[in-house]
Amino acid sequence: NDSAFAFDTTSQVLVNRLPIHTGFEISKNIITLVNLKVRIPDVDANTFFTSLPSGLFSTLEGINASGQLKYRLDFRLNPAVPDSLHFDSELKGNKFRITKFGNENFAAINGQFIYVAQDKDRILSVFPVGPENPDFVPLTEISPLLINSVLTAEDGTFRFHRGFNEEAFRQSIATNIKERRFARGGSTITMQLVKNVFLNRNKTVSRKLEEAIIVWMIESTGMVSKDRMLEVYLNIIEWGPGIFGIGEASQFYFSKHPSQLTLEESIFLSSIIPNPKAFRYSFDKQGMLREYLQYYFKLVAGRLARKEIITQEQLDQLKFGVELKGPALQYVVPTDTIPADTIPTEFEPLFFENL
């Protein structure tokens, strides 16, 4: 076809000893179609890992594994119609088992470990994740209202997926294409956990591939339980300026233990996860929540009611607002001291796919 450039999946690229079959089609001039296919046939698991380009996947270097792996990717996009995007990706293992960890022991998060919170190359905080940390809170001691509010907002299918939500990822790509900026993420809680604990924050293709492989290994082998992943996640993420973990956050905002959080407080805390440093912009000069969050409160509470996590009576009695009682109150500033272009007018789409 004179209007397009293409080659099919009979084409093979050899990366070290790893055979990769690729098919690619792209229209010339004005791009009206991008069609990408990648196939990695059954290969020995050790061959897969030793064939990864040296230096690009540092945490995976030195892994020994048994069994076989294969991979398939189908990606089709008409840039003029982003919502038509097709994305289907799958890494499958056959009797796959890790026999020896390399540079990083991904199972270490099952026990106490030291977490280094970073912002790019800057270290923000270093603390143990476990009983040695007085602010660590076991999952069983965190209010179910907080847990389910966070799951509803961040990853509604966390309990059921295997580390990835392809529909959320597809919608993320489509949204970012339409808005011509990084407007929406598609990361699951497992992906966020892996990124925070094991990887840097660089948004490179190799880092995203490394993240995906680690996520697949953790989820497909049952290396870490869902409850433990959620427990670690809630105890390490940033909830405010220099505030890490739900133990600190509960005291910072409400001077209470996470087990005592109300429905409104739980929904509020879930709302600040995407941009915790800017939590104070959620309040006006009277210390009241801004109107744009009202829709968010109703949406999260409505989801919780439909899933019977809260009752209809709790939904009917939902109050729009929270009372700050901890040190966070000192951070709430008058409206006239905030640059107008930094005050949100709406809330970004929630991670509500496939609920």
Protein backbone atom coordinates (compact mmCIF):
# COMPACT_ATOMS: atom_id res chain seq x y z
CA ASN A 1 0.00 0.00 0.00
CA ASP A 2 1.64 3.28 -1.14
CA SER A 3 -0.09 5.20 1.63
CA ALA A 4 1.33 3.17 4.49
CA PHE A 5 4.53 1.58 5.77
CA ALA A 6 4.27 -1.89 7.30
CA PHE A 7 5.96 -5.17 8.14
CA ASP A 8 4.28 -8.24 9.62
CA THR A 9 4.97 -10.51 12.60
CA THR A 10 7.13 -12.86 10.53
CA SER A 11 9.83 -10.20 11.03
CA GLN A 12 12.12 -11.11 13.92
CA VAL A 13 14.41 -9.01 16.07
CA LEU A 14 16.94 -10.83 18.24
CA VAL A 15 17.71 -9.07 21.53
CA ASN A 16 20.69 -11.02 22.85
CA ARG A 17 19.14 -14.51 22.77
CA LEU A 18 15.53 -13.34 23.00
CA PRO A 19 13.54 -13.62 19.74
CA ILE A 20 10.96 -10.87 19.32
CA HIS A 21 8.48 -11.04 16.44
CA THR A 22 7.09 -7.63 15.56
CA GLY A 23 4.45 -6.36 13.21
CA PHE A 24 4.06 -2.66 12.55
CA GLU A 25 1.91 -0.52 10.28
CA ILE A 26 1.74 3.26 10.11
CA SER A 27 0.13 5.52 7.55
CA LYS A 28 2.27 8.06 5.74
CA ASN A 29 1.89 11.81 5.72
CA ILE A 30 -0.97 12.57 8.13
CA ILE A 31 -1.03 9.65 10.56
CA THR A 32 -4.43 7.96 10.51
CA LEU A 33 -3.38 4.55 11.82
CA VAL A 34 -0.76 3.04 14.10
CA ASN A 35 -0.93 -0.73 14.34
CA LEU A 36 1.68 -2.54 16.46
CA LYS A 37 1.99 -6.26 17.20
CA VAL A 38 4.70 -7.86 19.35
CA ARG A 39 5.12 -11.58 19.97
CA ILE A 40 7.73 -13.32 22.11
CA PRO A 41 7.25 -17.08 21.73
CA ASP A 42 7.81 -19.54 24.58
CA VAL A 43 11.33 -19.01 25.87
CA ASP A 44 13.24 -20.31 28.85
CA ALA A 45 12.66 -17.95 31.80
CA ASN A 46 16.39 -17.51 32.41
CA THR A 47 16.91 -16.65 28.75
CA PHE A 48 14.23 -13.99 29.07
CA PHE A 49 15.94 -12.28 32.02
CA THR A 50 19.54 -12.61 30.82
CA SER A 51 18.54 -11.18 27.44
CA LEU A 52 17.19 -7.94 28.88
CA PRO A 53 19.51 -5.06 27.90
CA SER A 54 22.17 -4.58 30.57
CA GLY A 55 21.79 -1.44 32.66
CA LEU A 56 18.19 -0.70 31.67
CA PHE A 57 16.49 -3.09 34.10
CA SER A 58 18.82 -3.00 37.10
CA THR A 59 16.44 -4.52 39.67
CA LEU A 60 15.92 -7.57 37.43
CA GLU A 61 19.61 -8.29 36.89
CA GLY A 62 20.82 -11.54 38.43
CA ILE A 63 17.41 -13.23 38.68
CA ASN A 64 17.37 -16.99 38.19
CA ALA A 65 14.08 -18.62 37.27
CA SER A 66 12.66 -21.87 35.98
CA GLY A 67 9.84 -22.52 33.52
CA GLN A 68 8.93 -20.61 30.38
CA LEU A 69 7.59 -17.16 29.48
CA LYS A 70 5.82 -15.75 26.44
CA TYR A 71 4.44 -12.32 25.59
CA ARG A 72 1.82 -10.80 23.30
CA LEU A 73 0.97 -7.15 22.52
CA ASP A 74 -1.67 -5.78 20.17
CA PHE A 75 -1.91 -2.00 19.90
CA ARG A 76 -4.04 -0.16 17.33
CA LEU A 77 -4.72 3.57 17.28
CA ASN A 78 -6.34 6.10 15.00
CA PRO A 79 -5.07 9.41 16.48
CA ALA A 80 -8.13 11.19 15.12
CA VAL A 81 -10.39 8.89 17.15
CA PRO A 82 -8.52 8.24 20.43
CA ASP A 83 -11.44 6.41 22.05
CA SER A 84 -11.16 3.69 19.37
CA LEU A 85 -7.76 2.69 20.73
CA HIS A 86 -7.25 -1.08 21.11
CA PHE A 87 -4.73 -2.27 23.69
CA ASP A 88 -4.21 -5.91 24.62
CA SER A 89 -1.06 -7.03 26.43
CA GLU A 90 -0.28 -10.31 28.19
CA LEU A 91 2.79 -11.94 29.70
CA LYS A 92 2.19 -15.61 30.50
CA GLY A 93 4.25 -18.10 32.43
CA ASN A 94 4.38 -21.88 32.17
CA LYS A 95 5.61 -23.48 35.41
CA PHE A 96 7.35 -20.18 36.09
CA ARG A 97 9.16 -19.89 39.41
CA ILE A 98 11.85 -17.57 40.74
CA THR A 99 14.68 -19.69 42.13
CA LYS A 100 16.99 -16.84 43.09
CA PHE A 101 16.54 -13.08 43.38
CA GLY A 102 19.14 -10.80 41.84
CA ASN A 103 19.81 -7.18 42.70
CA GLU A 104 16.44 -6.81 44.43
CA ASN A 105 14.46 -9.19 46.61
CA PHE A 106 10.87 -8.34 45.74
CA ALA A 107 9.54 -10.61 48.50
CA ALA A 108 11.24 -8.45 51.14
CA ILE A 109 8.12 -6.33 51.53
CA ASN A 110 6.46 -9.29 53.26
CA GLY A 111 8.51 -8.38 56.33
CA GLN A 112 9.77 -5.18 57.86
CA PHE A 113 11.92 -3.12 55.50
CA ILE A 114 13.37 0.36 55.22
CA TYR A 115 11.48 2.67 52.89
CA VAL A 116 13.15 5.62 51.21
CA ALA A 117 10.64 8.23 50.07
CA GLN A 118 12.01 10.20 47.14
CA ASP A 119 11.03 13.03 44.86
CA LYS A 120 13.12 12.49 41.76
CA ASP A 121 16.68 12.40 43.17
CA ARG A 122 15.81 14.09 46.47
CA ILE A 123 15.29 11.95 49.58
CA LEU A 124 12.25 13.14 51.53
CA SER A 125 12.11 10.61 54.34
CA VAL A 126 13.57 7.27 55.45
CA PHE A 127 11.65 5.04 57.85
CA PRO A 128 10.98 1.38 58.70
CA VAL A 129 7.76 -0.15 57.41
CA GLY A 130 6.77 -2.41 60.26
CA PRO A 131 6.44 -2.66 64.04
CA GLU A 132 9.64 -0.69 64.75
CA ASN A 133 7.90 2.39 63.38
CA PRO A 134 5.44 3.78 65.96
CA ASP A 135 3.40 5.30 63.11
CA PHE A 136 2.99 1.97 61.29
CA VAL A 137 -0.62 0.77 61.36
CA PRO A 138 -1.57 -2.86 60.53
CA LEU A 139 -4.33 -3.18 57.95
CA THR A 140 -6.67 -4.66 60.59
CA GLU A 141 -6.39 -1.43 62.60
CA ILE A 142 -7.28 0.91 59.73
CA SER A 143 -10.90 1.95 59.32
CA PRO A 144 -12.62 -0.09 56.57
CA LEU A 145 -14.19 3.21 55.48
CA LEU A 146 -10.73 4.60 54.68
CA ILE A 147 -9.57 1.38 53.00
CA ASN A 148 -12.62 1.19 50.76
CA SER A 149 -12.63 4.91 49.96
CA VAL A 150 -9.03 4.63 48.77
CA LEU A 151 -9.76 1.48 46.76
CA THR A 152 -12.78 3.15 45.17
CA ALA A 153 -10.77 6.21 44.16
CA GLU A 154 -7.45 4.60 43.22
CA ASP A 155 -8.14 1.05 42.06
CA GLY A 156 -11.67 -0.30 42.20
CA THR A 157 -10.72 -3.74 40.90
CA PHE A 158 -7.62 -4.22 43.07
CA ARG A 159 -9.00 -7.30 44.81
CA PHE A 160 -9.75 -9.00 41.48
CA HIS A 161 -7.10 -8.05 38.92
CA ARG A 162 -3.62 -9.52 38.54
CA GLY A 163 -1.74 -6.27 38.78
CA PHE A 164 -3.07 -4.55 35.65
CA ASN A 165 -6.31 -2.95 34.55
CA GLU A 166 -6.05 -2.81 30.77
CA GLU A 167 -9.28 -0.87 30.32
CA ALA A 168 -8.07 1.82 32.71
CA PHE A 169 -4.75 1.94 30.88
CA ARG A 170 -6.52 2.20 27.52
CA GLN A 171 -8.71 5.04 28.75
CA SER A 172 -5.65 6.76 30.20
CA ILE A 173 -3.85 6.72 26.84
CA ALA A 174 -6.97 7.92 25.01
CA THR A 175 -7.52 10.78 27.46
CA ASN A 176 -3.90 11.90 27.32
CA ILE A 177 -3.99 11.91 23.50
CA LYS A 178 -7.18 13.97 23.44
CA GLU A 179 -5.88 16.51 25.95
CA ARG A 180 -2.32 16.46 24.56
CA ARG A 181 -0.86 16.22 28.04
CA PHE A 182 -0.42 13.72 30.85
CA ALA A 183 -3.91 14.28 32.24
CA ARG A 184 -4.74 10.84 33.56
CA GLY A 185 -2.83 7.85 34.89
CA GLY A 186 -3.83 4.22 34.67
CA SER A 187 -1.70 2.72 37.42
CA THR A 188 -3.13 0.11 39.75
CA ILE A 189 -2.21 0.04 43.43
CA THR A 190 0.22 -2.80 42.70
CA MET A 191 1.91 -0.67 40.05
CA GLN A 192 2.10 2.33 42.38
CA LEU A 193 3.55 0.14 45.13
CA VAL A 194 6.24 -1.31 42.87
CA LYS A 195 7.16 2.14 41.56
CA ASN A 196 7.41 3.59 45.07
CA VAL A 197 9.33 0.76 46.75
CA PHE A 198 11.62 -0.60 44.04
CA LEU A 199 12.03 1.96 41.26
CA ASN A 200 12.83 5.60 40.60
CA ARG A 201 10.21 8.11 39.42
CA ASN A 202 11.65 8.59 35.93
CA LYS A 203 8.96 8.33 33.25
CA THR A 204 10.95 6.33 30.73
CA VAL A 205 9.86 3.41 28.56
CA SER A 206 12.44 1.09 30.13
CA ARG A 207 11.31 2.02 33.66
CA LYS A 208 7.66 1.34 32.78
CA LEU A 209 8.61 -2.04 31.27
CA GLU A 210 10.64 -2.90 34.36
CA GLU A 211 7.67 -1.94 36.53
CA ALA A 212 5.32 -4.12 34.48
CA ILE A 213 7.58 -7.18 34.74
CA ILE A 214 7.94 -6.79 38.53
CA VAL A 215 4.18 -6.33 38.94
CA TRP A 216 3.54 -9.46 36.87
CA MET A 217 6.00 -11.53 38.94
CA ILE A 218 4.54 -10.38 42.27
CA GLU A 219 0.93 -10.95 41.25
CA SER A 220 1.27 -14.10 39.13
CA THR A 221 3.37 -16.00 41.66
CA GLY A 222 1.40 -14.88 44.71
CA MET A 223 4.66 -13.54 46.11
CA VAL A 224 2.85 -10.88 48.18
CA SER A 225 -0.77 -11.09 49.31
CA LYS A 226 -3.29 -8.42 48.36
CA ASP A 227 -3.75 -7.49 52.01
CA ARG A 228 -0.01 -7.01 52.54
CA MET A 229 0.32 -4.92 49.38
CA LEU A 230 -2.52 -2.69 50.55
CA GLU A 231 -1.08 -2.47 54.07
CA VAL A 232 2.33 -1.38 52.77
CA TYR A 233 0.76 1.05 50.28
CA LEU A 234 -1.31 2.83 52.95
CA ASN A 235 1.73 3.01 55.24
CA ILE A 236 4.19 4.52 52.75
CA ILE A 237 2.34 6.88 50.42
CA GLU A 238 2.53 10.64 50.93
CA TRP A 239 -0.59 12.21 52.44
CA GLY A 240 0.64 15.78 52.85
CA PRO A 241 3.80 17.88 53.03
CA GLY A 242 6.29 15.48 54.60
CA ILE A 243 3.48 13.24 55.88
CA PHE A 244 3.99 9.57 55.01
CA GLY A 245 1.69 6.71 55.96
CA ILE A 246 -1.87 6.66 57.23
CA GLY A 247 -0.70 6.71 60.87
CA GLU A 248 0.92 10.13 60.46
CA ALA A 249 -1.87 11.34 58.18
CA SER A 250 -4.65 10.55 60.64
CA GLN A 251 -2.88 12.51 63.36
CA PHE A 252 -1.86 15.35 61.03
CA TYR A 253 -5.40 16.03 59.84
CA PHE A 254 -7.71 14.82 62.59
CA SER A 255 -5.63 14.03 65.72
CA LYS A 256 -6.98 10.51 65.85
CA HIS A 257 -6.02 6.90 65.15
CA PRO A 258 -6.81 5.53 61.64
CA SER A 259 -9.29 3.10 63.17
CA GLN A 260 -11.46 6.06 64.22
CA LEU A 261 -11.80 7.79 60.84
CA THR A 262 -15.34 8.73 59.83
CA LEU A 263 -16.87 8.31 56.38
CA GLU A 264 -16.34 11.99 55.51
CA GLU A 265 -12.75 11.98 56.78
CA SER A 266 -12.02 8.80 54.82
CA ILE A 267 -13.38 10.22 51.59
CA PHE A 268 -11.43 13.44 52.09
CA LEU A 269 -8.16 11.55 52.67
CA SER A 270 -8.74 9.50 49.50
CA SER A 271 -9.22 12.74 47.55
CA ILE A 272 -5.76 14.11 48.34
CA ILE A 273 -3.69 11.06 47.29
CA PRO A 274 -3.13 12.29 43.68
CA ASN A 275 -1.66 15.61 44.89
CA PRO A 276 -1.03 15.46 48.66
CA LYS A 277 1.17 18.55 48.90
CA ALA A 278 -1.69 20.70 47.61
CA PHE A 279 -4.27 19.51 50.16
CA ARG A 280 -4.69 23.03 51.58
CA TYR A 281 -6.14 24.25 48.29
CA SER A 282 -9.13 22.00 48.99
CA PHE A 283 -10.25 24.55 51.61
CA ASP A 284 -11.50 28.12 51.39
CA LYS A 285 -10.55 30.92 53.77
CA GLN A 286 -13.26 29.81 56.21
CA GLY A 287 -11.71 26.35 56.36
CA MET A 288 -14.59 24.78 54.41
CA LEU A 289 -14.08 22.31 51.60
CA ARG A 290 -14.36 23.86 48.16
CA GLU A 291 -17.48 23.16 46.16
CA TYR A 292 -15.72 21.15 43.44
CA LEU A 293 -15.16 18.34 45.98
CA GLN A 294 -18.88 17.91 46.65
CA TYR A 295 -19.31 15.84 43.50
CA TYR A 296 -16.36 13.67 44.55
CA PHE A 297 -17.86 13.05 48.00
CA LYS A 298 -21.21 12.02 46.51
CA LEU A 299 -19.62 9.82 43.88
CA VAL A 300 -17.38 7.89 46.28
CA ALA A 301 -20.13 7.49 48.88
CA GLY A 302 -22.56 6.37 46.19
CA ARG A 303 -20.14 3.69 45.06
CA LEU A 304 -19.64 2.52 48.62
CA ALA A 305 -23.40 2.29 49.11
CA ARG A 306 -23.91 0.29 45.90
CA LYS A 307 -21.26 -2.15 47.06
CA GLU A 308 -23.03 -2.32 50.46
CA ILE A 309 -19.94 -1.09 52.30
CA ILE A 310 -22.09 1.64 53.80
CA THR A 311 -25.84 1.67 54.31
CA GLN A 312 -28.40 3.83 52.52
CA GLU A 313 -28.88 5.66 55.80
CA GLN A 314 -25.16 6.51 55.95
CA LEU A 315 -25.35 7.75 52.38
CA ASP A 316 -28.41 9.90 53.13
CA GLN A 317 -26.68 11.39 56.17
CA LEU A 318 -23.41 12.12 54.36
CA LYS A 319 -22.06 15.53 55.28
CA PHE A 320 -20.03 17.54 52.83
CA GLY A 321 -17.10 18.68 54.89
CA VAL A 322 -14.50 17.75 57.46
CA GLU A 323 -13.14 19.52 60.52
CA LEU A 324 -9.37 19.71 60.65
CA LYS A 325 -8.14 19.23 64.21
CA GLY A 326 -4.46 18.41 63.79
CA PRO A 327 -1.41 20.36 62.60
CA ALA A 328 -2.90 20.47 59.09
CA LEU A 329 -5.13 23.32 60.24
CA GLN A 330 -2.09 25.61 60.25
CA TYR A 331 -1.56 24.99 56.54
CA VAL A 332 -5.00 26.15 55.43
CA VAL A 333 -4.44 29.63 54.03
CA PRO A 334 -6.81 32.43 53.01
CA THR A 335 -7.96 32.35 49.40
CA ASP A 336 -6.40 35.71 48.56
CA THR A 337 -2.90 34.32 49.26
CA ILE A 338 -3.28 31.49 46.73
CA PRO A 339 -2.47 32.08 43.04
CA ALA A 340 -5.77 31.79 41.17
CA ASP A 341 -4.41 29.33 38.60
CA THR A 342 -3.46 26.83 41.33
CA ILE A 343 -6.97 26.42 42.75
CA PRO A 344 -8.67 23.35 41.21
CA THR A 345 -12.12 23.84 39.75
CA GLU A 346 -12.88 20.16 39.22
CA PHE A 347 -11.59 16.78 40.28
CA GLU A 348 -9.69 14.49 37.94
CA PRO A 349 -11.46 11.28 36.82
CA LEU A 350 -11.38 8.52 39.40
CA PHE A 351 -10.14 5.01 38.84
CA PHE A 352 -13.67 3.60 38.53
CA GLU A 353 -13.33 1.28 35.56
CA ASN A 354 -14.98 -2.13 35.66
CA LEU A 355 -16.56 -1.72 39.09
